[in-house]
């Protein structure tokens, strides 16, 4: 068994194994309101840049989940709901989402949850945080056009509509 493990480490490297185990990143949670935001981009879905918003402060306790695009106020429809109900936010919940995204991030207090979400999403796709912070729309030409720009303006998620 040890020989097989050594072969795997030598042939694909330890970093790839670790990456597969950590494909989901928590952006933040609001324990008082029972909210959680995570990202885990699918490698096969280059164009769909979205985050997951749960109605509980941890994934296992959540009953509902919304997949929401970063670039515009639209839900992402996905067949694998991981045992959760599709969550279409009402007006109060949309306000909670906006407040949450504008709130200070607990991991990086110098950033909002929105900004940290962009960094974490890009990091999961292979762009490190320093490169993300330099990937700016304001420069007119993105250094990394296949990743979210760090200065992407947050859409008005109060405009989310059920599809």
N, C-alpha and C. Protein backbone atom coordinates (compact mmCIF):
# COMPACT_ATOMS: atom_id res chain seq x y z
N UNK A 1 0.83 -1.21 0.00
CA UNK A 1 0.00 0.00 0.00
C UNK A 1 0.87 1.26 0.00
N UNK A 2 1.96 1.23 0.76
CA UNK A 2 2.86 2.37 0.82
C UNK A 2 3.46 2.66 -0.56
N UNK A 3 3.76 1.63 -1.30
CA UNK A 3 4.33 1.81 -2.64
C UNK A 3 3.33 2.51 -3.55
N UNK A 4 2.08 2.16 -3.47
CA UNK A 4 1.04 2.83 -4.28
C UNK A 4 0.94 4.30 -3.90
N UNK A 5 0.94 4.62 -2.61
CA UNK A 5 0.85 6.00 -2.15
C UNK A 5 2.05 6.81 -2.64
N UNK A 6 3.27 6.23 -2.54
CA UNK A 6 4.46 6.92 -3.03
C UNK A 6 4.36 7.16 -4.53
N UNK A 7 3.85 6.19 -5.26
CA UNK A 7 3.69 6.35 -6.70
C UNK A 7 2.73 7.51 -7.01
N UNK A 8 1.62 7.56 -6.29
CA UNK A 8 0.65 8.64 -6.52
C UNK A 8 1.26 10.00 -6.23
N UNK A 9 1.98 10.10 -5.13
CA UNK A 9 2.61 11.38 -4.78
C UNK A 9 3.64 11.79 -5.83
N UNK A 10 4.39 10.84 -6.32
CA UNK A 10 5.41 11.16 -7.31
C UNK A 10 4.81 11.46 -8.68
N UNK A 11 3.72 10.81 -9.02
CA UNK A 11 3.17 10.99 -10.37
C UNK A 11 2.26 12.20 -10.50
N UNK A 12 1.48 12.52 -9.48
CA UNK A 12 0.59 13.69 -9.59
C UNK A 12 0.93 14.78 -8.59
N UNK A 13 1.76 14.49 -7.63
CA UNK A 13 2.20 15.51 -6.69
C UNK A 13 1.23 15.71 -5.55
N UNK A 14 1.72 16.10 -4.40
CA UNK A 14 0.87 16.28 -3.22
C UNK A 14 -0.06 17.48 -3.33
N UNK A 15 0.32 18.50 -4.12
CA UNK A 15 -0.51 19.69 -4.20
C UNK A 15 -1.84 19.42 -4.88
N UNK A 16 -1.85 18.59 -5.87
CA UNK A 16 -3.09 18.25 -6.56
C UNK A 16 -4.03 17.50 -5.63
N UNK A 17 -3.50 16.60 -4.83
CA UNK A 17 -4.33 15.86 -3.88
C UNK A 17 -4.95 16.80 -2.87
N UNK A 18 -4.17 17.70 -2.32
CA UNK A 18 -4.68 18.65 -1.34
C UNK A 18 -5.74 19.55 -1.97
N UNK A 19 -5.50 20.00 -3.20
CA UNK A 19 -6.46 20.87 -3.88
C UNK A 19 -7.81 20.18 -4.01
N UNK A 20 -7.84 18.92 -4.35
CA UNK A 20 -9.10 18.22 -4.49
C UNK A 20 -9.86 18.10 -3.18
N UNK A 21 -9.13 18.03 -2.07
CA UNK A 21 -9.78 17.90 -0.78
C UNK A 21 -10.34 19.24 -0.28
N UNK A 22 -9.84 20.36 -0.79
CA UNK A 22 -10.22 21.67 -0.28
C UNK A 22 -10.87 22.54 -1.34
N UNK A 23 -11.79 22.01 -2.11
CA UNK A 23 -12.36 22.78 -3.21
C UNK A 23 -13.42 23.79 -2.78
N UNK A 24 -13.84 23.79 -1.53
CA UNK A 24 -14.83 24.74 -1.07
C UNK A 24 -14.19 25.72 -0.10
N UNK A 25 -14.45 26.99 -0.29
CA UNK A 25 -13.91 28.02 0.60
C UNK A 25 -15.06 28.77 1.25
N UNK A 26 -15.00 28.91 2.55
CA UNK A 26 -15.99 29.71 3.27
C UNK A 26 -15.56 31.16 3.25
N UNK A 27 -16.46 32.02 2.81
CA UNK A 27 -16.19 33.45 2.75
C UNK A 27 -16.49 34.09 4.09
N UNK A 28 -17.62 33.74 4.64
CA UNK A 28 -18.00 34.29 5.93
C UNK A 28 -19.33 33.71 6.39
N UNK A 29 -19.63 33.99 7.64
CA UNK A 29 -20.91 33.54 8.19
C UNK A 29 -21.42 34.59 9.16
N UNK A 30 -22.73 34.62 9.28
CA UNK A 30 -23.40 35.49 10.24
C UNK A 30 -24.13 34.55 11.20
N UNK A 31 -23.54 34.33 12.36
CA UNK A 31 -24.13 33.41 13.33
C UNK A 31 -25.46 33.93 13.88
N UNK A 32 -25.58 35.24 14.00
CA UNK A 32 -26.81 35.83 14.55
C UNK A 32 -28.00 35.61 13.62
N UNK A 33 -27.79 35.84 12.32
CA UNK A 33 -28.88 35.68 11.35
C UNK A 33 -28.92 34.28 10.74
N UNK A 34 -27.88 33.50 10.99
CA UNK A 34 -27.83 32.15 10.44
C UNK A 34 -27.61 32.16 8.94
N UNK A 35 -26.50 32.76 8.49
CA UNK A 35 -26.19 32.86 7.07
C UNK A 35 -24.76 32.40 6.83
N UNK A 36 -24.53 31.81 5.66
CA UNK A 36 -23.21 31.33 5.28
C UNK A 36 -23.00 31.58 3.79
N UNK A 37 -21.79 32.01 3.43
CA UNK A 37 -21.43 32.19 2.02
C UNK A 37 -20.20 31.36 1.74
N UNK A 38 -20.25 30.58 0.66
CA UNK A 38 -19.11 29.76 0.25
C UNK A 38 -18.93 29.84 -1.26
N UNK A 39 -17.72 29.52 -1.70
CA UNK A 39 -17.45 29.36 -3.12
C UNK A 39 -16.78 28.01 -3.32
N UNK A 40 -17.12 27.36 -4.38
CA UNK A 40 -16.39 26.17 -4.85
C UNK A 40 -16.62 26.03 -6.34
N UNK A 41 -15.82 26.78 -7.10
CA UNK A 41 -15.99 26.77 -8.56
C UNK A 41 -15.75 25.39 -9.16
N UNK A 42 -16.56 25.06 -10.13
CA UNK A 42 -16.38 23.82 -10.86
C UNK A 42 -15.37 24.07 -11.97
N UNK A 43 -14.36 23.22 -12.06
CA UNK A 43 -13.34 23.40 -13.09
C UNK A 43 -13.94 23.34 -14.49
N UNK A 44 -14.98 22.54 -14.68
CA UNK A 44 -15.59 22.40 -15.99
C UNK A 44 -16.53 23.52 -16.37
N UNK A 45 -16.75 24.49 -15.50
CA UNK A 45 -17.69 25.58 -15.77
C UNK A 45 -16.96 26.90 -15.78
N UNK A 46 -16.18 27.13 -16.80
CA UNK A 46 -15.36 28.33 -16.88
C UNK A 46 -16.18 29.61 -16.75
N UNK A 47 -17.34 29.68 -17.38
CA UNK A 47 -18.07 30.93 -17.43
C UNK A 47 -18.96 31.23 -16.25
N UNK A 48 -19.32 30.22 -15.47
CA UNK A 48 -20.25 30.45 -14.37
C UNK A 48 -19.49 30.82 -13.09
N UNK A 49 -19.53 32.08 -12.76
CA UNK A 49 -18.86 32.57 -11.56
C UNK A 49 -19.95 32.90 -10.55
N UNK A 50 -20.07 32.05 -9.54
CA UNK A 50 -21.14 32.23 -8.57
C UNK A 50 -20.68 31.84 -7.18
N UNK A 51 -21.48 32.27 -6.21
CA UNK A 51 -21.24 31.87 -4.83
C UNK A 51 -22.49 31.17 -4.32
N UNK A 52 -22.33 30.47 -3.21
CA UNK A 52 -23.46 29.78 -2.58
C UNK A 52 -23.80 30.52 -1.29
N UNK A 53 -25.08 30.71 -1.09
CA UNK A 53 -25.58 31.40 0.10
C UNK A 53 -26.55 30.46 0.79
N UNK A 54 -26.28 30.17 2.05
CA UNK A 54 -27.06 29.19 2.81
C UNK A 54 -27.86 29.87 3.92
N UNK A 55 -28.95 29.24 4.31
CA UNK A 55 -29.81 29.79 5.36
C UNK A 55 -29.43 29.24 6.74
N UNK A 56 -28.17 28.96 6.96
CA UNK A 56 -27.67 28.51 8.27
C UNK A 56 -26.20 28.90 8.35
N UNK A 57 -25.65 28.96 9.53
CA UNK A 57 -24.26 29.37 9.68
C UNK A 57 -23.27 28.26 9.35
N UNK A 58 -23.77 27.05 9.08
CA UNK A 58 -22.89 26.01 8.56
C UNK A 58 -23.65 25.17 7.52
N UNK A 59 -22.87 24.59 6.63
CA UNK A 59 -23.42 23.86 5.48
C UNK A 59 -24.33 22.72 5.90
N UNK A 60 -23.92 21.95 6.92
CA UNK A 60 -24.72 20.77 7.30
C UNK A 60 -26.09 21.10 7.87
N UNK A 61 -26.22 22.23 8.52
CA UNK A 61 -27.52 22.61 9.12
C UNK A 61 -28.44 23.33 8.15
N UNK A 62 -27.93 23.74 7.02
CA UNK A 62 -28.74 24.51 6.07
C UNK A 62 -29.81 23.64 5.43
N UNK A 63 -30.98 24.19 5.29
CA UNK A 63 -32.09 23.53 4.60
C UNK A 63 -32.23 24.05 3.17
N UNK A 64 -31.76 25.30 2.96
CA UNK A 64 -31.90 25.93 1.64
C UNK A 64 -30.56 26.52 1.20
N UNK A 65 -30.40 26.59 -0.12
CA UNK A 65 -29.19 27.15 -0.70
C UNK A 65 -29.55 27.91 -1.97
N UNK A 66 -28.91 29.07 -2.13
CA UNK A 66 -29.05 29.85 -3.37
C UNK A 66 -27.68 29.93 -4.02
N UNK A 67 -27.63 29.68 -5.30
CA UNK A 67 -26.42 29.91 -6.10
C UNK A 67 -26.66 31.23 -6.82
N UNK A 68 -25.75 32.18 -6.63
CA UNK A 68 -25.96 33.54 -7.14
C UNK A 68 -24.71 33.98 -7.90
N UNK A 69 -24.92 34.55 -9.08
CA UNK A 69 -23.81 35.00 -9.91
C UNK A 69 -23.10 36.19 -9.29
N UNK A 70 -21.79 36.25 -9.50
CA UNK A 70 -21.00 37.40 -9.06
C UNK A 70 -21.26 38.62 -9.93
N UNK A 71 -21.38 38.43 -11.24
CA UNK A 71 -21.39 39.57 -12.17
C UNK A 71 -22.76 40.23 -12.36
N UNK A 72 -23.83 39.54 -12.05
CA UNK A 72 -25.16 40.13 -12.22
C UNK A 72 -26.13 39.49 -11.23
N UNK A 73 -27.22 40.15 -10.94
CA UNK A 73 -28.16 39.63 -9.94
C UNK A 73 -29.05 38.52 -10.53
N UNK A 74 -28.47 37.35 -10.68
CA UNK A 74 -29.21 36.21 -11.22
C UNK A 74 -28.86 34.95 -10.44
N UNK A 75 -29.88 34.12 -10.30
CA UNK A 75 -29.67 32.81 -9.68
C UNK A 75 -29.05 31.88 -10.72
N UNK A 76 -28.25 30.95 -10.24
CA UNK A 76 -27.70 29.91 -11.09
C UNK A 76 -28.50 28.65 -10.79
N UNK A 77 -29.07 28.09 -11.83
CA UNK A 77 -29.85 26.86 -11.68
C UNK A 77 -28.90 25.68 -11.84
N UNK A 78 -28.95 24.80 -10.88
CA UNK A 78 -28.01 23.67 -10.84
C UNK A 78 -28.79 22.44 -10.40
N UNK A 79 -28.52 21.32 -11.02
CA UNK A 79 -29.28 20.11 -10.69
C UNK A 79 -28.86 19.48 -9.36
N UNK A 80 -27.59 19.64 -8.96
CA UNK A 80 -27.12 19.04 -7.72
C UNK A 80 -27.30 20.02 -6.57
N UNK A 81 -28.33 19.84 -5.79
CA UNK A 81 -28.61 20.74 -4.67
C UNK A 81 -28.06 20.20 -3.35
N UNK A 82 -27.35 19.10 -3.39
CA UNK A 82 -26.70 18.53 -2.21
C UNK A 82 -27.68 18.35 -1.05
N UNK A 83 -28.90 17.95 -1.38
CA UNK A 83 -29.90 17.72 -0.35
C UNK A 83 -30.57 18.98 0.19
N UNK A 84 -30.30 20.12 -0.41
CA UNK A 84 -30.89 21.39 0.02
C UNK A 84 -31.99 21.81 -0.95
N UNK A 85 -32.93 22.59 -0.45
CA UNK A 85 -33.95 23.17 -1.32
C UNK A 85 -33.39 24.41 -2.01
N UNK A 86 -33.86 24.66 -3.24
CA UNK A 86 -33.48 25.90 -3.92
C UNK A 86 -34.05 27.06 -3.13
N UNK A 87 -33.24 28.06 -2.92
CA UNK A 87 -33.64 29.20 -2.11
C UNK A 87 -33.75 30.43 -3.00
N UNK A 88 -34.97 30.92 -3.13
CA UNK A 88 -35.22 32.19 -3.80
C UNK A 88 -35.50 33.21 -2.71
N UNK A 89 -34.60 34.15 -2.56
CA UNK A 89 -34.67 35.09 -1.45
C UNK A 89 -35.86 36.04 -1.57
N UNK A 90 -36.51 36.31 -0.45
CA UNK A 90 -37.55 37.33 -0.41
C UNK A 90 -36.88 38.69 -0.20
N UNK A 91 -37.67 39.75 -0.15
CA UNK A 91 -37.11 41.11 -0.06
C UNK A 91 -36.25 41.29 1.19
N UNK A 92 -36.70 40.79 2.33
CA UNK A 92 -35.93 40.91 3.58
C UNK A 92 -34.61 40.14 3.47
N UNK A 93 -34.65 38.94 2.90
CA UNK A 93 -33.45 38.11 2.76
C UNK A 93 -32.46 38.74 1.77
N UNK A 94 -32.97 39.42 0.75
CA UNK A 94 -32.10 40.12 -0.19
C UNK A 94 -31.37 41.27 0.51
N UNK A 95 -32.08 41.96 1.39
CA UNK A 95 -31.43 43.01 2.20
C UNK A 95 -30.35 42.40 3.09
N UNK A 96 -30.65 41.24 3.69
CA UNK A 96 -29.66 40.56 4.52
C UNK A 96 -28.42 40.18 3.71
N UNK A 97 -28.64 39.72 2.48
CA UNK A 97 -27.53 39.36 1.61
C UNK A 97 -26.67 40.59 1.32
N UNK A 98 -27.30 41.70 0.96
CA UNK A 98 -26.55 42.93 0.67
C UNK A 98 -25.76 43.40 1.90
N UNK A 99 -26.40 43.37 3.06
CA UNK A 99 -25.71 43.75 4.30
C UNK A 99 -24.52 42.83 4.55
N UNK A 100 -24.74 41.54 4.36
CA UNK A 100 -23.69 40.56 4.58
C UNK A 100 -22.51 40.82 3.65
N UNK A 101 -22.77 41.01 2.36
CA UNK A 101 -21.69 41.21 1.39
C UNK A 101 -20.91 42.50 1.65
N UNK A 102 -21.59 43.51 2.17
CA UNK A 102 -20.93 44.79 2.49
C UNK A 102 -20.22 44.78 3.84
N UNK A 103 -20.46 43.76 4.64
CA UNK A 103 -19.86 43.68 5.99
C UNK A 103 -18.39 43.34 5.92
N UNK A 104 -17.70 43.70 6.99
CA UNK A 104 -16.28 43.41 7.13
C UNK A 104 -16.06 41.90 7.20
N UNK A 105 -15.08 41.42 6.47
CA UNK A 105 -14.75 39.99 6.48
C UNK A 105 -13.96 39.65 7.74
N UNK A 106 -14.25 38.51 8.35
CA UNK A 106 -13.58 38.13 9.60
C UNK A 106 -12.16 37.61 9.37
N UNK A 107 -11.88 37.05 8.20
CA UNK A 107 -10.54 36.54 7.90
C UNK A 107 -9.61 37.67 7.49
N UNK A 108 -10.14 38.58 6.68
CA UNK A 108 -9.37 39.74 6.22
C UNK A 108 -10.17 41.00 6.56
N UNK A 109 -10.00 41.53 7.77
CA UNK A 109 -10.78 42.70 8.21
C UNK A 109 -10.61 43.94 7.35
N UNK A 110 -9.58 43.98 6.51
CA UNK A 110 -9.39 45.12 5.61
C UNK A 110 -10.29 45.03 4.38
N UNK A 111 -11.04 43.92 4.26
CA UNK A 111 -11.90 43.69 3.09
C UNK A 111 -13.34 43.46 3.51
N UNK A 112 -14.24 43.68 2.57
CA UNK A 112 -15.64 43.29 2.78
C UNK A 112 -15.78 41.82 2.41
N UNK A 113 -16.91 41.22 2.78
CA UNK A 113 -17.18 39.84 2.36
C UNK A 113 -17.24 39.74 0.84
N UNK A 114 -17.73 40.78 0.18
CA UNK A 114 -17.76 40.80 -1.29
C UNK A 114 -16.35 40.69 -1.86
N UNK A 115 -15.44 41.53 -1.39
CA UNK A 115 -14.06 41.52 -1.89
C UNK A 115 -13.37 40.19 -1.57
N UNK A 116 -13.59 39.71 -0.36
CA UNK A 116 -12.97 38.44 0.02
C UNK A 116 -13.54 37.29 -0.81
N UNK A 117 -14.81 37.38 -1.17
CA UNK A 117 -15.43 36.36 -2.02
C UNK A 117 -14.75 36.29 -3.38
N UNK A 118 -14.42 37.45 -3.94
CA UNK A 118 -13.72 37.50 -5.23
C UNK A 118 -12.34 36.86 -5.09
N UNK A 119 -11.63 37.22 -4.03
CA UNK A 119 -10.29 36.66 -3.81
C UNK A 119 -10.37 35.14 -3.65
N UNK A 120 -11.31 34.67 -2.84
CA UNK A 120 -11.42 33.22 -2.59
C UNK A 120 -11.84 32.47 -3.85
N UNK A 121 -12.77 33.04 -4.61
CA UNK A 121 -13.20 32.40 -5.85
C UNK A 121 -12.01 32.24 -6.80
N UNK A 122 -11.29 33.34 -7.01
CA UNK A 122 -10.14 33.29 -7.91
C UNK A 122 -9.06 32.35 -7.39
N UNK A 123 -8.86 32.33 -6.08
CA UNK A 123 -7.87 31.45 -5.48
C UNK A 123 -8.22 29.99 -5.76
N UNK A 124 -9.50 29.65 -5.63
CA UNK A 124 -9.94 28.28 -5.91
C UNK A 124 -9.75 27.92 -7.38
N UNK A 125 -9.77 28.93 -8.25
CA UNK A 125 -9.57 28.71 -9.69
C UNK A 125 -8.09 28.78 -10.08
N UNK A 126 -7.20 29.14 -9.13
CA UNK A 126 -5.77 29.10 -9.40
C UNK A 126 -5.05 30.43 -9.45
N UNK A 127 -5.73 31.53 -9.12
CA UNK A 127 -5.06 32.84 -9.10
C UNK A 127 -4.85 33.25 -7.64
N UNK A 128 -3.62 33.50 -7.25
CA UNK A 128 -3.36 33.79 -5.83
C UNK A 128 -3.91 35.17 -5.43
N UNK A 129 -4.11 35.39 -4.13
CA UNK A 129 -4.72 36.66 -3.67
C UNK A 129 -3.99 37.91 -4.12
N UNK A 130 -2.66 37.89 -4.12
CA UNK A 130 -1.91 39.08 -4.54
C UNK A 130 -2.20 39.42 -6.01
N UNK A 131 -2.25 38.39 -6.85
CA UNK A 131 -2.55 38.62 -8.26
C UNK A 131 -3.98 39.11 -8.44
N UNK A 132 -4.91 38.58 -7.64
CA UNK A 132 -6.30 39.04 -7.73
C UNK A 132 -6.40 40.51 -7.37
N UNK A 133 -5.70 40.94 -6.32
CA UNK A 133 -5.78 42.34 -5.90
C UNK A 133 -5.18 43.29 -6.93
N UNK A 134 -4.40 42.76 -7.86
CA UNK A 134 -3.84 43.59 -8.94
C UNK A 134 -4.63 43.44 -10.24
N UNK A 135 -5.62 42.56 -10.25
CA UNK A 135 -6.44 42.32 -11.44
C UNK A 135 -7.61 43.30 -11.43
N UNK A 136 -7.40 44.48 -11.96
CA UNK A 136 -8.35 45.57 -11.80
C UNK A 136 -8.97 46.01 -13.13
N UNK A 137 -10.29 46.23 -13.10
CA UNK A 137 -10.98 46.80 -14.26
C UNK A 137 -10.50 48.23 -14.52
N UNK A 138 -10.13 48.93 -13.47
CA UNK A 138 -9.70 50.32 -13.58
C UNK A 138 -8.46 50.45 -14.47
N UNK A 139 -7.70 49.37 -14.62
CA UNK A 139 -6.51 49.39 -15.48
C UNK A 139 -6.86 49.29 -16.96
N UNK A 140 -8.13 49.16 -17.28
CA UNK A 140 -8.66 49.03 -18.64
C UNK A 140 -8.35 47.69 -19.30
N UNK A 141 -7.24 47.09 -18.97
CA UNK A 141 -6.90 45.77 -19.49
C UNK A 141 -6.58 44.88 -18.30
N UNK A 142 -7.39 43.85 -18.13
CA UNK A 142 -7.17 42.93 -17.01
C UNK A 142 -5.92 42.11 -17.25
N UNK A 143 -5.10 41.97 -16.21
CA UNK A 143 -3.93 41.10 -16.31
C UNK A 143 -4.35 39.64 -16.46
N UNK A 144 -5.46 39.30 -15.85
CA UNK A 144 -5.96 37.92 -15.83
C UNK A 144 -7.45 37.92 -16.22
N UNK A 145 -7.75 38.01 -17.52
CA UNK A 145 -9.13 38.17 -17.97
C UNK A 145 -10.04 36.97 -17.68
N UNK A 146 -9.48 35.81 -17.40
CA UNK A 146 -10.30 34.62 -17.12
C UNK A 146 -10.70 34.51 -15.65
N UNK A 147 -10.39 35.55 -14.87
CA UNK A 147 -10.72 35.57 -13.45
C UNK A 147 -11.53 36.82 -13.12
N UNK A 148 -12.19 36.79 -11.98
CA UNK A 148 -12.97 37.94 -11.55
C UNK A 148 -12.05 39.12 -11.25
N UNK A 149 -12.41 40.32 -11.72
CA UNK A 149 -11.62 41.50 -11.35
C UNK A 149 -11.85 41.84 -9.88
N UNK A 150 -10.80 42.24 -9.20
CA UNK A 150 -10.91 42.57 -7.78
C UNK A 150 -11.84 43.76 -7.54
N UNK A 151 -11.86 44.71 -8.47
CA UNK A 151 -12.70 45.89 -8.30
C UNK A 151 -14.06 45.76 -8.99
N UNK A 152 -14.50 44.51 -9.20
CA UNK A 152 -15.83 44.28 -9.77
C UNK A 152 -16.89 44.90 -8.87
N UNK A 153 -17.73 45.74 -9.46
CA UNK A 153 -18.79 46.38 -8.67
C UNK A 153 -19.83 45.33 -8.31
N UNK A 154 -20.23 45.36 -7.05
CA UNK A 154 -21.25 44.41 -6.60
C UNK A 154 -22.60 44.77 -7.22
N UNK A 155 -23.26 43.80 -7.85
CA UNK A 155 -24.60 44.06 -8.39
C UNK A 155 -25.59 44.35 -7.26
N UNK A 156 -26.69 44.93 -7.62
CA UNK A 156 -27.76 45.16 -6.65
C UNK A 156 -28.57 43.87 -6.55
N UNK A 157 -28.24 43.06 -5.59
CA UNK A 157 -28.90 41.76 -5.44
C UNK A 157 -30.35 41.86 -4.97
N UNK A 158 -30.81 43.08 -4.68
CA UNK A 158 -32.23 43.24 -4.38
C UNK A 158 -33.06 43.04 -5.64
N UNK A 159 -32.40 43.00 -6.80
CA UNK A 159 -33.08 42.80 -8.09
C UNK A 159 -33.15 41.32 -8.49
N UNK A 160 -32.70 40.43 -7.63
CA UNK A 160 -32.79 38.99 -7.94
C UNK A 160 -34.24 38.61 -8.21
N UNK A 161 -34.44 37.83 -9.28
CA UNK A 161 -35.77 37.37 -9.66
C UNK A 161 -35.77 35.84 -9.74
N UNK A 162 -36.85 35.24 -9.29
CA UNK A 162 -37.01 33.80 -9.42
C UNK A 162 -37.15 33.45 -10.89
N UNK A 163 -36.40 32.44 -11.35
CA UNK A 163 -36.46 32.02 -12.76
C UNK A 163 -37.59 31.06 -12.98
